[in-house]
Amino acid sequence: MKTITLNNIDLAQQLFGQHNDNIAKIAEAAGVRIDARGNELHLRGKDKDILLAENIVTQLYDLIKHKYILNPSDIESAAKALRQDSTCQLKTIFLDTVFTTAKNKPITPRNPSQKRYIDEARQNDIVFSIGPAGTGKTYLAMAMAVAAFTKGEINRIVLTRPAVEAGETLGFLPGDLAEKINPYLRPLYDALYDMLTFDRAKELIEQGTIEIAPLAFMRGRTLNNSFIILDEAQNTTSEQMKMFLTRIGYSSRAVITGDITQIDLPPGKTSGLVEAKSLLQNIEGLQFVYFTREDVVRHRLVSRIIQAYECSTKKQRNK
């Protein structure tokens, strides 16, 4: 058994949560039993599990000392990070605010992979972010773009995606070209509206300060003083990826995101993201950041779903 004494009863209560809900989540995540008595916690279980639980408790308590408001999802993120690396310092991750939204919500990394992603994007002009859905690739890129614009580091934000059908045909969708393409760009609008007020976002889009457009519209342009995000890059062709990368002008930064397990290109077409991953690894000022299903920050079932599909794919390859 291990006893942890927390000196400040008020901070301890924040850690414990209403009806000790947070303590129950920590116990479940670490695989131990935790009894809370006053400002003390009594941990029972296997030695390695007790060490994990103690690490989670100590580091989350330290975050609260720094006025961090603990969310239930933070416990699972903390457990994942510390299970993979017991020396991981949650403070350097959770307190690194990328941007604070119009609703006063701080956007921060949730795990070491996201922290590395943000650090690489701060230090390099071009960053490729590759991994499954739900790992925060696009959302964090948007936060970094809006933060850079707010600080005056760039003059314009350009958000683009390839309009590639995923089982649908553009020609059969109702409306003119803009209306047909708009659904492909909706995830970018959603992320933007989560960070700015609707009126502010609309104003910046109408001014052309924020541009959201299909990748085909980038041809022939040079983008200076811009933060450019290419989303769903696994659906670019080799030619499109080369075209996009050569659009980047002076004082510009670019983030390219994609999931190479979800390519919707026609058979025989090479993914521009897969090719770039092979060709561009050793270029100075350009970095690749990789995420796995362990980095998924959506509902816990999303990670399990991704794992099930990965296992199915491996079985098919081994037949």
C-alpha atoms as a PDB file:
ATOM      1  CA  MET A   1       0.000   0.000   0.000  1.00  0.00           C
ATOM      2  CA  LYS A   2       1.083   3.575  -0.676  1.00  0.00           C
ATOM      3  CA  THR A   3      -0.191   6.714   1.078  1.00  0.00           C
ATOM      4  CA  ILE A   4      -0.040  10.112  -0.631  1.00  0.00           C
ATOM      5  CA  THR A   5      -0.608  13.245   1.450  1.00  0.00           C
ATOM      6  CA  LEU A   6      -1.685  16.404  -0.385  1.00  0.00           C
ATOM      7  CA  ASN A   7      -0.834  19.518   1.625  1.00  0.00           C
ATOM      8  CA  ASN A   8      -3.570  21.849   0.357  1.00  0.00           C
ATOM      9  CA  ILE A   9      -7.059  20.501   1.077  1.00  0.00           C
ATOM     10  CA  ASP A  10      -8.727  22.888  -1.430  1.00  0.00           C
ATOM     11  CA  LEU A  11      -6.419  21.812  -4.255  1.00  0.00           C
ATOM     12  CA  ALA A  12      -6.852  18.205  -3.204  1.00  0.00           C
ATOM     13  CA  GLN A  13     -10.617  18.545  -3.572  1.00  0.00           C
ATOM     14  CA  GLN A  14     -10.140  19.906  -7.103  1.00  0.00           C
ATOM     15  CA  LEU A  15      -8.049  16.848  -7.897  1.00  0.00           C
ATOM     16  CA  PHE A  16     -10.538  14.455  -6.322  1.00  0.00           C
ATOM     17  CA  GLY A  17     -13.455  15.912  -8.312  1.00  0.00           C
ATOM     18  CA  GLN A  18     -17.130  15.848  -7.444  1.00  0.00           C
ATOM     19  CA  HIS A  19     -17.986  12.681  -5.517  1.00  0.00           C
ATOM     20  CA  ASN A  20     -14.307  11.647  -5.982  1.00  0.00           C
ATOM     21  CA  ASP A  21     -15.032  11.012  -9.683  1.00  0.00           C
ATOM     22  CA  ASN A  22     -11.504  11.942 -10.751  1.00  0.00           C
ATOM     23  CA  ILE A  23      -9.960   9.581  -8.221  1.00  0.00           C
ATOM     24  CA  ALA A  24     -12.168   6.771  -9.534  1.00  0.00           C
ATOM     25  CA  LYS A  25     -10.956   7.505 -13.080  1.00  0.00           C
ATOM     26  CA  ILE A  26      -7.308   7.512 -11.958  1.00  0.00           C
ATOM     27  CA  ALA A  27      -7.810   4.189 -10.175  1.00  0.00           C
ATOM     28  CA  GLU A  28      -9.404   2.673 -13.277  1.00  0.00           C
ATOM     29  CA  ALA A  29      -6.700   4.025 -15.597  1.00  0.00           C
ATOM     30  CA  ALA A  30      -3.861   2.705 -13.418  1.00  0.00           C
ATOM     31  CA  GLY A  31      -5.539  -0.544 -12.378  1.00  0.00           C
ATOM     32  CA  VAL A  32      -5.403   0.131  -8.643  1.00  0.00           C
ATOM     33  CA  ARG A  33      -7.740   0.753  -5.727  1.00  0.00           C
ATOM     34  CA  ILE A  34      -7.674   4.278  -4.267  1.00  0.00           C
ATOM     35  CA  ASP A  35      -9.363   5.333  -1.014  1.00  0.00           C
ATOM     36  CA  ALA A  36      -9.616   9.072  -0.333  1.00  0.00           C
ATOM     37  CA  ARG A  37      -9.670  10.222   3.285  1.00  0.00           C
ATOM     38  CA  GLY A  38      -9.440  13.943   3.920  1.00  0.00           C
ATOM     39  CA  ASN A  39      -6.318  15.085   2.104  1.00  0.00           C
ATOM     40  CA  GLU A  40      -4.833  11.582   1.924  1.00  0.00           C
ATOM     41  CA  LEU A  41      -4.998   8.921  -0.744  1.00  0.00           C
ATOM     42  CA  HIS A  42      -4.366   5.249   0.020  1.00  0.00           C
ATOM     43  CA  LEU A  43      -3.298   3.217  -3.022  1.00  0.00           C
ATOM     44  CA  ARG A  44      -3.487  -0.571  -3.229  1.00  0.00           C
ATOM     45  CA  GLY A  45      -2.459  -2.837  -6.079  1.00  0.00           C
ATOM     46  CA  LYS A  46       0.584  -4.158  -7.904  1.00  0.00           C
ATOM     47  CA  ASP A  47       3.787  -2.187  -7.354  1.00  0.00           C
ATOM     48  CA  LYS A  48       4.093  -1.002 -10.966  1.00  0.00           C
ATOM     49  CA  ASP A  49       0.440   0.075 -11.033  1.00  0.00           C
ATOM     50  CA  ILE A  50       0.810   1.955  -7.749  1.00  0.00           C
ATOM     51  CA  LEU A  51       3.839   3.781  -9.165  1.00  0.00           C
ATOM     52  CA  LEU A  52       1.799   4.783 -12.232  1.00  0.00           C
ATOM     53  CA  ALA A  53      -1.119   5.979 -10.093  1.00  0.00           C
ATOM     54  CA  GLU A  54       1.223   7.927  -7.813  1.00  0.00           C
ATOM     55  CA  ASN A  55       2.840   9.573 -10.836  1.00  0.00           C
ATOM     56  CA  ILE A  56      -0.563  10.545 -12.249  1.00  0.00           C
ATOM     57  CA  VAL A  57      -1.789  11.939  -8.921  1.00  0.00           C
ATOM     58  CA  THR A  58       1.421  13.877  -8.207  1.00  0.00           C
ATOM     59  CA  GLN A  59       1.643  15.456 -11.638  1.00  0.00           C
ATOM     60  CA  LEU A  60      -2.049  16.335 -11.917  1.00  0.00           C
ATOM     61  CA  TYR A  61      -1.899  17.900  -8.452  1.00  0.00           C
ATOM     62  CA  ASP A  62       1.101  19.952  -9.596  1.00  0.00           C
ATOM     63  CA  LEU A  63      -0.893  21.130 -12.641  1.00  0.00           C
ATOM     64  CA  ILE A  64      -3.725  22.277 -10.370  1.00  0.00           C
ATOM     65  CA  LYS A  65      -1.183  24.205  -8.302  1.00  0.00           C
ATOM     66  CA  HIS A  66      -0.439  26.129 -11.502  1.00  0.00           C
ATOM     67  CA  LYS A  67      -4.156  27.045 -11.786  1.00  0.00           C
ATOM     68  CA  TYR A  68      -4.827  24.422 -14.437  1.00  0.00           C
ATOM     69  CA  ILE A  69      -8.505  23.456 -14.602  1.00  0.00           C
ATOM     70  CA  LEU A  70      -8.640  19.668 -14.708  1.00  0.00           C
ATOM     71  CA  ASN A  71     -10.990  18.003 -17.186  1.00  0.00           C
ATOM     72  CA  PRO A  72     -12.037  14.338 -16.971  1.00  0.00           C
ATOM     73  CA  SER A  73     -10.352  13.636 -20.325  1.00  0.00           C
ATOM     74  CA  ASP A  74      -7.033  14.861 -18.890  1.00  0.00           C
ATOM     75  CA  ILE A  75      -6.824  11.794 -16.663  1.00  0.00           C
ATOM     76  CA  GLU A  76      -6.880   9.346 -19.554  1.00  0.00           C
ATOM     77  CA  SER A  77      -4.375  11.497 -21.479  1.00  0.00           C
ATOM     78  CA  ALA A  78      -2.089  11.632 -18.444  1.00  0.00           C
ATOM     79  CA  ALA A  79      -2.322   7.882 -17.869  1.00  0.00           C
ATOM     80  CA  LYS A  80      -1.491   7.122 -21.512  1.00  0.00           C
ATOM     81  CA  ALA A  81       1.496   9.476 -21.517  1.00  0.00           C
ATOM     82  CA  LEU A  82       2.943   8.240 -18.214  1.00  0.00           C
ATOM     83  CA  ARG A  83       2.349   4.586 -19.062  1.00  0.00           C
ATOM     84  CA  GLN A  84       4.466   5.052 -22.198  1.00  0.00           C
ATOM     85  CA  ASP A  85       7.123   7.187 -20.467  1.00  0.00           C
ATOM     86  CA  SER A  86       7.179   7.499 -16.684  1.00  0.00           C
ATOM     87  CA  THR A  87       9.629  10.436 -16.919  1.00  0.00           C
ATOM     88  CA  CYS A  88       7.203  12.473 -19.054  1.00  0.00           C
ATOM     89  CA  GLN A  89       6.499  15.901 -17.541  1.00  0.00           C
ATOM     90  CA  LEU A  90       2.796  16.691 -17.959  1.00  0.00           C
ATOM     91  CA  LYS A  91       3.413  20.318 -16.986  1.00  0.00           C
ATOM     92  CA  THR A  92       5.445  20.983 -20.124  1.00  0.00           C
ATOM     93  CA  ILE A  93       2.585  19.550 -22.220  1.00  0.00           C
ATOM     94  CA  PHE A  94      -0.677  20.669 -20.618  1.00  0.00           C
ATOM     95  CA  LEU A  95       0.506  24.205 -19.783  1.00  0.00           C
ATOM     96  CA  ASP A  96       1.752  24.979 -23.304  1.00  0.00           C
ATOM     97  CA  THR A  97      -1.168  27.091 -24.521  1.00  0.00           C
ATOM     98  CA  VAL A  98      -1.159  27.384 -28.319  1.00  0.00           C
ATOM     99  CA  PHE A  99      -4.199  29.641 -28.528  1.00  0.00           C
ATOM    100  CA  THR A 100      -7.088  30.760 -26.335  1.00  0.00           C
ATOM    101  CA  THR A 101     -10.440  30.663 -28.137  1.00  0.00           C
ATOM    102  CA  ALA A 102     -13.124  33.340 -28.217  1.00  0.00           C
ATOM    103  CA  LYS A 103     -14.886  31.337 -25.471  1.00  0.00           C
ATOM    104  CA  ASN A 104     -11.735  31.608 -23.325  1.00  0.00           C
ATOM    105  CA  LYS A 105     -10.881  27.932 -23.790  1.00  0.00           C
ATOM    106  CA  PRO A 106      -7.108  27.284 -23.890  1.00  0.00           C
ATOM    107  CA  ILE A 107      -5.968  24.958 -26.675  1.00  0.00           C
ATOM    108  CA  THR A 108      -3.013  22.907 -25.492  1.00  0.00           C
ATOM    109  CA  PRO A 109      -1.331  19.646 -26.518  1.00  0.00           C
ATOM    110  CA  ARG A 110      -2.797  16.542 -24.881  1.00  0.00           C
ATOM    111  CA  ASN A 111       0.139  14.143 -25.195  1.00  0.00           C
ATOM    112  CA  PRO A 112       3.881  14.073 -26.016  1.00  0.00           C
ATOM    113  CA  SER A 113       3.235  13.540 -29.750  1.00  0.00           C
ATOM    114  CA  GLN A 114       1.054  16.641 -29.948  1.00  0.00           C
ATOM    115  CA  LYS A 115       3.664  18.604 -27.983  1.00  0.00           C
ATOM    116  CA  ARG A 116       6.369  17.556 -30.446  1.00  0.00           C
ATOM    117  CA  TYR A 117       4.054  18.496 -33.332  1.00  0.00           C
ATOM    118  CA  ILE A 118       3.615  22.008 -31.960  1.00  0.00           C
ATOM    119  CA  ASP A 119       7.319  22.428 -31.201  1.00  0.00           C
ATOM    120  CA  GLU A 120       8.325  21.303 -34.713  1.00  0.00           C
ATOM    121  CA  ALA A 121       5.786  23.667 -36.288  1.00  0.00           C
ATOM    122  CA  ARG A 122       7.246  26.539 -34.276  1.00  0.00           C
ATOM    123  CA  GLN A 123      10.789  25.740 -35.398  1.00  0.00           C
ATOM    124  CA  ASN A 124      10.331  24.664 -39.030  1.00  0.00           C
ATOM    125  CA  ASP A 125       8.761  26.284 -42.076  1.00  0.00           C
ATOM    126  CA  ILE A 126       7.159  23.047 -43.313  1.00  0.00           C
ATOM    127  CA  VAL A 127       5.815  20.237 -41.122  1.00  0.00           C
ATOM    128  CA  PHE A 128       4.136  17.029 -42.261  1.00  0.00           C
ATOM    129  CA  SER A 129       1.757  15.523 -39.708  1.00  0.00           C
ATOM    130  CA  ILE A 130       0.840  11.904 -40.457  1.00  0.00           C
ATOM    131  CA  GLY A 131      -1.464   9.682 -38.424  1.00  0.00           C
ATOM    132  CA  PRO A 132      -4.987   8.394 -37.858  1.00  0.00           C
ATOM    133  CA  ALA A 133      -8.148  10.431 -37.391  1.00  0.00           C
ATOM    134  CA  GLY A 134      -8.723  11.899 -33.947  1.00  0.00           C
ATOM    135  CA  THR A 135      -5.110  12.764 -33.139  1.00  0.00           C
ATOM    136  CA  GLY A 136      -5.615  16.542 -33.419  1.00  0.00           C
ATOM    137  CA  LYS A 137      -3.568  17.064 -36.581  1.00  0.00           C
ATOM    138  CA  THR A 138      -5.897  19.551 -38.268  1.00  0.00           C
ATOM    139  CA  TYR A 139      -7.293  21.182 -35.139  1.00  0.00           C
ATOM    140  CA  LEU A 140      -3.862  22.009 -33.702  1.00  0.00           C
ATOM    141  CA  ALA A 141      -2.642  23.235 -37.090  1.00  0.00           C
ATOM    142  CA  MET A 142      -5.618  25.608 -37.185  1.00  0.00           C
ATOM    143  CA  ALA A 143      -4.861  26.807 -33.649  1.00  0.00           C
ATOM    144  CA  MET A 144      -1.235  27.477 -34.612  1.00  0.00           C
ATOM    145  CA  ALA A 145      -2.346  29.374 -37.718  1.00  0.00           C
ATOM    146  CA  VAL A 146      -4.824  31.582 -35.843  1.00  0.00           C
ATOM    147  CA  ALA A 147      -2.249  32.181 -33.085  1.00  0.00           C
ATOM    148  CA  ALA A 148       0.392  33.226 -35.644  1.00  0.00           C
ATOM    149  CA  PHE A 149      -2.089  35.606 -37.287  1.00  0.00           C
ATOM    150  CA  THR A 150      -3.175  37.087 -33.948  1.00  0.00           C
ATOM    151  CA  LYS A 151       0.474  37.743 -33.021  1.00  0.00           C
ATOM    152  CA  GLY A 152       1.110  39.446 -36.384  1.00  0.00           C
ATOM    153  CA  GLU A 153       3.623  36.802 -37.493  1.00  0.00           C
ATOM    154  CA  ILE A 154       1.743  36.262 -40.778  1.00  0.00           C
ATOM    155  CA  ASN A 155      -0.796  38.298 -42.760  1.00  0.00           C
ATOM    156  CA  ARG A 156      -2.998  35.554 -44.108  1.00  0.00           C
ATOM    157  CA  ILE A 157      -4.250  32.036 -43.402  1.00  0.00           C
ATOM    158  CA  VAL A 158      -4.814  29.678 -46.313  1.00  0.00           C
ATOM    159  CA  LEU A 159      -6.708  26.428 -45.671  1.00  0.00           C
ATOM    160  CA  THR A 160      -6.981  23.879 -48.439  1.00  0.00           C
ATOM    161  CA  ARG A 161      -7.975  20.265 -49.120  1.00  0.00           C
ATOM    162  CA  PRO A 162      -8.087  18.098 -52.241  1.00  0.00           C
ATOM    163  CA  ALA A 163     -11.684  17.580 -53.381  1.00  0.00           C
ATOM    164  CA  VAL A 164     -11.424  13.824 -53.806  1.00  0.00           C
ATOM    165  CA  GLU A 165     -14.563  11.693 -53.675  1.00  0.00           C
ATOM    166  CA  ALA A 166     -14.699   9.147 -50.856  1.00  0.00           C
ATOM    167  CA  GLY A 167     -17.333   6.910 -52.377  1.00  0.00           C
ATOM    168  CA  GLU A 168     -19.355   9.814 -53.773  1.00  0.00           C
ATOM    169  CA  THR A 169     -19.286  11.529 -57.146  1.00  0.00           C
ATOM    170  CA  LEU A 170     -19.077  15.329 -57.256  1.00  0.00           C
ATOM    171  CA  GLY A 171     -21.084  15.538 -60.447  1.00  0.00           C
ATOM    172  CA  PHE A 172     -24.149  14.060 -58.792  1.00  0.00           C
ATOM    173  CA  LEU A 173     -24.147  16.464 -55.842  1.00  0.00           C
ATOM    174  CA  PRO A 174     -26.668  19.334 -56.091  1.00  0.00           C
ATOM    175  CA  GLY A 175     -25.700  22.959 -56.717  1.00  0.00           C
ATOM    176  CA  ASP A 176     -22.975  24.869 -58.545  1.00  0.00           C
ATOM    177  CA  LEU A 177     -19.235  24.148 -58.237  1.00  0.00           C
ATOM    178  CA  ALA A 178     -18.836  26.138 -54.993  1.00  0.00           C
ATOM    179  CA  GLU A 179     -21.757  24.327 -53.377  1.00  0.00           C
ATOM    180  CA  LYS A 180     -20.439  20.942 -54.502  1.00  0.00           C
ATOM    181  CA  ILE A 181     -16.962  21.604 -53.111  1.00  0.00           C
ATOM    182  CA  ASN A 182     -18.114  23.188 -49.839  1.00  0.00           C
ATOM    183  CA  PRO A 183     -18.780  19.867 -47.996  1.00  0.00           C
ATOM    184  CA  TYR A 184     -15.126  18.879 -48.518  1.00  0.00           C
ATOM    185  CA  LEU A 185     -14.041  22.080 -46.764  1.00  0.00           C
ATOM    186  CA  ARG A 186     -16.552  21.901 -43.895  1.00  0.00           C
ATOM    187  CA  PRO A 187     -14.115  20.368 -41.329  1.00  0.00           C
ATOM    188  CA  LEU A 188     -11.853  23.387 -41.809  1.00  0.00           C
ATOM    189  CA  TYR A 189     -14.749  25.781 -41.227  1.00  0.00           C
ATOM    190  CA  ASP A 190     -15.767  23.810 -38.122  1.00  0.00           C
ATOM    191  CA  ALA A 191     -12.303  24.098 -36.579  1.00  0.00           C
ATOM    192  CA  LEU A 192     -12.125  27.808 -37.418  1.00  0.00           C
ATOM    193  CA  TYR A 193     -15.520  28.597 -35.876  1.00  0.00           C
ATOM    194  CA  ASP A 194     -14.455  26.763 -32.721  1.00  0.00           C
ATOM    195  CA  MET A 195     -11.616  29.262 -32.233  1.00  0.00           C
ATOM    196  CA  LEU A 196     -13.050  32.587 -33.384  1.00  0.00           C
ATOM    197  CA  THR A 197     -16.505  34.068 -33.048  1.00  0.00           C
ATOM    198  CA  PHE A 198     -18.686  33.391 -36.079  1.00  0.00           C
ATOM    199  CA  ASP A 199     -18.796  37.104 -36.980  1.00  0.00           C
ATOM    200  CA  ARG A 200     -15.007  37.523 -36.685  1.00  0.00           C
ATOM    201  CA  ALA A 201     -14.324  34.434 -38.785  1.00  0.00           C
ATOM    202  CA  LYS A 202     -16.867  35.547 -41.401  1.00  0.00           C
ATOM    203  CA  GLU A 203     -15.306  39.013 -41.530  1.00  0.00           C
ATOM    204  CA  LEU A 204     -11.778  37.620 -42.066  1.00  0.00           C
ATOM    205  CA  ILE A 205     -13.024  35.230 -44.776  1.00  0.00           C
ATOM    206  CA  GLU A 206     -14.865  38.045 -46.591  1.00  0.00           C
ATOM    207  CA  GLN A 207     -11.716  40.185 -46.452  1.00  0.00           C
ATOM    208  CA  GLY A 208      -9.671  37.335 -47.899  1.00  0.00           C
ATOM    209  CA  THR A 209      -7.457  37.297 -44.810  1.00  0.00           C
ATOM    210  CA  ILE A 210      -8.580  33.723 -44.248  1.00  0.00           C
ATOM    211  CA  GLU A 211      -8.997  31.742 -47.450  1.00  0.00           C
ATOM    212  CA  ILE A 212     -10.590  28.301 -47.542  1.00  0.00           C
ATOM    213  CA  ALA A 213     -10.379  26.710 -50.967  1.00  0.00           C
ATOM    214  CA  PRO A 214      -9.873  23.408 -52.778  1.00  0.00           C
ATOM    215  CA  LEU A 215      -6.283  22.495 -53.610  1.00  0.00           C
ATOM    216  CA  ALA A 216      -6.839  22.974 -57.364  1.00  0.00           C
ATOM    217  CA  PHE A 217      -7.263  26.719 -56.697  1.00  0.00           C
ATOM    218  CA  MET A 218      -3.646  26.964 -55.480  1.00  0.00           C
ATOM    219  CA  ARG A 219      -2.137  26.373 -58.927  1.00  0.00           C
ATOM    220  CA  GLY A 220      -0.063  29.241 -60.339  1.00  0.00           C
ATOM    221  CA  ARG A 221       0.065  31.215 -57.098  1.00  0.00           C
ATOM    222  CA  THR A 222       2.852  32.246 -54.727  1.00  0.00           C
ATOM    223  CA  LEU A 223       1.801  32.517 -51.083  1.00  0.00           C
ATOM    224  CA  ASN A 224       3.907  34.985 -49.092  1.00  0.00           C
ATOM    225  CA  ASN A 225       3.499  35.933 -45.406  1.00  0.00           C
ATOM    226  CA  SER A 226       0.981  33.140 -44.959  1.00  0.00           C
ATOM    227  CA  PHE A 227       0.245  30.178 -42.737  1.00  0.00           C
ATOM    228  CA  ILE A 228      -0.923  27.432 -45.093  1.00  0.00           C
ATOM    229  CA  ILE A 229      -2.627  24.212 -44.050  1.00  0.00           C
ATOM    230  CA  LEU A 230      -3.075  21.346 -46.489  1.00  0.00           C
ATOM    231  CA  ASP A 231      -5.525  18.908 -44.938  1.00  0.00           C
ATOM    232  CA  GLU A 232      -6.307  15.326 -46.066  1.00  0.00           C
ATOM    233  CA  ALA A 233      -3.018  15.331 -47.958  1.00  0.00           C
ATOM    234  CA  GLN A 234      -3.113  11.563 -48.470  1.00  0.00           C
ATOM    235  CA  ASN A 235      -5.594  12.305 -51.284  1.00  0.00           C
ATOM    236  CA  THR A 236      -3.218  14.514 -53.221  1.00  0.00           C
ATOM    237  CA  THR A 237      -1.587  13.107 -56.325  1.00  0.00           C
ATOM    238  CA  SER A 238       2.166  13.299 -56.743  1.00  0.00           C
ATOM    239  CA  GLU A 239       1.721  16.275 -59.100  1.00  0.00           C
ATOM    240  CA  GLN A 240      -0.594  18.096 -56.705  1.00  0.00           C
ATOM    241  CA  MET A 241       1.770  17.722 -53.758  1.00  0.00           C
ATOM    242  CA  LYS A 242       4.687  19.074 -55.772  1.00  0.00           C
ATOM    243  CA  MET A 243       2.496  21.954 -56.973  1.00  0.00           C
ATOM    244  CA  PHE A 244       1.432  22.791 -53.415  1.00  0.00           C
ATOM    245  CA  LEU A 245       4.913  22.684 -51.899  1.00  0.00           C
ATOM    246  CA  THR A 246       6.269  24.991 -54.593  1.00  0.00           C
ATOM    247  CA  ARG A 247       3.551  27.602 -53.857  1.00  0.00           C
ATOM    248  CA  ILE A 248       5.116  28.460 -50.502  1.00  0.00           C
ATOM    249  CA  GLY A 249       6.689  31.926 -50.626  1.00  0.00           C
ATOM    250  CA  TYR A 250       8.710  34.214 -48.352  1.00  0.00           C
ATOM    251  CA  SER A 251       7.873  34.401 -44.628  1.00  0.00           C
ATOM    252  CA  SER A 252       5.345  31.596 -44.989  1.00  0.00           C
ATOM    253  CA  ARG A 253       4.831  28.418 -42.986  1.00  0.00           C
ATOM    254  CA  ALA A 254       2.973  25.277 -44.003  1.00  0.00           C
ATOM    255  CA  VAL A 255       1.496  22.291 -42.201  1.00  0.00           C
ATOM    256  CA  ILE A 256       0.485  19.241 -44.237  1.00  0.00           C
ATOM    257  CA  THR A 257      -1.764  16.708 -42.517  1.00  0.00           C
ATOM    258  CA  GLY A 258      -2.980  13.301 -43.600  1.00  0.00           C
ATOM    259  CA  ASP A 259      -3.720   9.676 -42.816  1.00  0.00           C
ATOM    260  CA  ILE A 260      -1.986   7.291 -45.222  1.00  0.00           C
ATOM    261  CA  THR A 261      -4.323   4.461 -44.176  1.00  0.00           C
ATOM    262  CA  GLN A 262      -7.320   6.294 -45.687  1.00  0.00           C
ATOM    263  CA  ILE A 263      -6.365   7.046 -49.292  1.00  0.00           C
ATOM    264  CA  ASP A 264      -9.337   7.620 -51.617  1.00  0.00           C
ATOM    265  CA  LEU A 265      -7.387   8.059 -54.859  1.00  0.00           C
ATOM    266  CA  PRO A 266      -8.255   5.856 -57.844  1.00  0.00           C
ATOM    267  CA  PRO A 267      -6.274   2.611 -58.188  1.00  0.00           C
ATOM    268  CA  GLY A 268      -2.862   3.156 -59.722  1.00  0.00           C
ATOM    269  CA  LYS A 269      -2.545   6.760 -58.494  1.00  0.00           C
ATOM    270  CA  THR A 270       0.376   7.464 -56.162  1.00  0.00           C
ATOM    271  CA  SER A 271      -0.463   9.452 -53.036  1.00  0.00           C
ATOM    272  CA  GLY A 272       1.513  12.688 -52.921  1.00  0.00           C
ATOM    273  CA  LEU A 273       1.806  12.340 -49.149  1.00  0.00           C
ATOM    274  CA  VAL A 274       3.250   8.830 -49.364  1.00  0.00           C
ATOM    275  CA  GLU A 275       5.741   9.981 -51.992  1.00  0.00           C
ATOM    276  CA  ALA A 276       6.726  13.069 -49.982  1.00  0.00           C
ATOM    277  CA  LYS A 277       7.317  10.858 -46.937  1.00  0.00           C
ATOM    278  CA  SER A 278       9.841   8.926 -49.031  1.00  0.00           C
ATOM    279  CA  LEU A 279      11.509  11.839 -50.839  1.00  0.00           C
ATOM    280  CA  LEU A 280      11.722  14.697 -48.347  1.00  0.00           C
ATOM    281  CA  GLN A 281      12.939  13.179 -45.081  1.00  0.00           C
ATOM    282  CA  ASN A 282      16.365  14.837 -45.019  1.00  0.00           C
ATOM    283  CA  ILE A 283      15.582  18.414 -46.040  1.00  0.00           C
ATOM    284  CA  GLU A 284      16.599  21.035 -43.469  1.00  0.00           C
ATOM    285  CA  GLY A 285      13.702  23.190 -42.253  1.00  0.00           C
ATOM    286  CA  LEU A 286      11.193  20.458 -43.019  1.00  0.00           C
ATOM    287  CA  GLN A 287      10.028  17.911 -40.444  1.00  0.00           C
ATOM    288  CA  PHE A 288       7.745  14.872 -40.249  1.00  0.00           C
ATOM    289  CA  VAL A 289       5.704  14.129 -37.126  1.00  0.00           C
ATOM    290  CA  TYR A 290       3.949  10.777 -36.774  1.00  0.00           C
ATOM    291  CA  PHE A 291       0.917   9.870 -34.664  1.00  0.00           C
ATOM    292  CA  THR A 292      -0.435   6.442 -33.762  1.00  0.00           C
ATOM    293  CA  ARG A 293      -3.775   5.221 -32.406  1.00  0.00           C
ATOM    294  CA  GLU A 294      -2.285   5.711 -28.918  1.00  0.00           C
ATOM    295  CA  ASP A 295      -2.404   9.455 -29.598  1.00  0.00           C
ATOM    296  CA  VAL A 296      -6.144   9.569 -30.375  1.00  0.00           C
ATOM    297  CA  VAL A 297      -7.807  12.218 -28.199  1.00  0.00           C
ATOM    298  CA  ARG A 298     -11.415  11.574 -29.165  1.00  0.00           C
ATOM    299  CA  HIS A 299     -13.779   9.107 -27.490  1.00  0.00           C
ATOM    300  CA  ARG A 300     -11.835   6.078 -26.188  1.00  0.00           C
ATOM    301  CA  LEU A 301     -13.744   3.833 -28.617  1.00  0.00           C
ATOM    302  CA  VAL A 302     -12.107   5.625 -31.569  1.00  0.00           C
ATOM    303  CA  SER A 303      -8.708   4.194 -30.613  1.00  0.00           C
ATOM    304  CA  ARG A 304     -10.186   0.712 -30.291  1.00  0.00           C
ATOM    305  CA  ILE A 305     -11.933   1.022 -33.670  1.00  0.00           C
ATOM    306  CA  ILE A 306      -8.647   2.052 -35.315  1.00  0.00           C
ATOM    307  CA  GLN A 307      -6.924  -0.919 -33.672  1.00  0.00           C
ATOM    308  CA  ALA A 308      -9.586  -3.310 -35.004  1.00  0.00           C
ATOM    309  CA  TYR A 309      -9.127  -2.038 -38.565  1.00  0.00           C
ATOM    310  CA  GLU A 310      -5.320  -2.233 -38.243  1.00  0.00           C
ATOM    311  CA  CYS A 311      -5.569  -5.867 -37.116  1.00  0.00           C
ATOM    312  CA  SER A 312      -7.907  -6.676 -40.005  1.00  0.00           C
ATOM    313  CA  THR A 313      -5.515  -5.078 -42.510  1.00  0.00           C
ATOM    314  CA  LYS A 314      -2.559  -7.058 -41.131  1.00  0.00           C
ATOM    315  CA  LYS A 315      -4.509 -10.330 -41.391  1.00  0.00           C
ATOM    316  CA  GLN A 316      -5.399  -9.606 -45.034  1.00  0.00           C
ATOM    317  CA  ARG A 317      -1.760  -8.838 -45.855  1.00  0.00           C
ATOM    318  CA  ASN A 318      -0.607 -12.101 -44.263  1.00  0.00           C
ATOM    319  CA  LYS A 319      -3.043 -14.289 -46.224  1.00  0.00           C
END
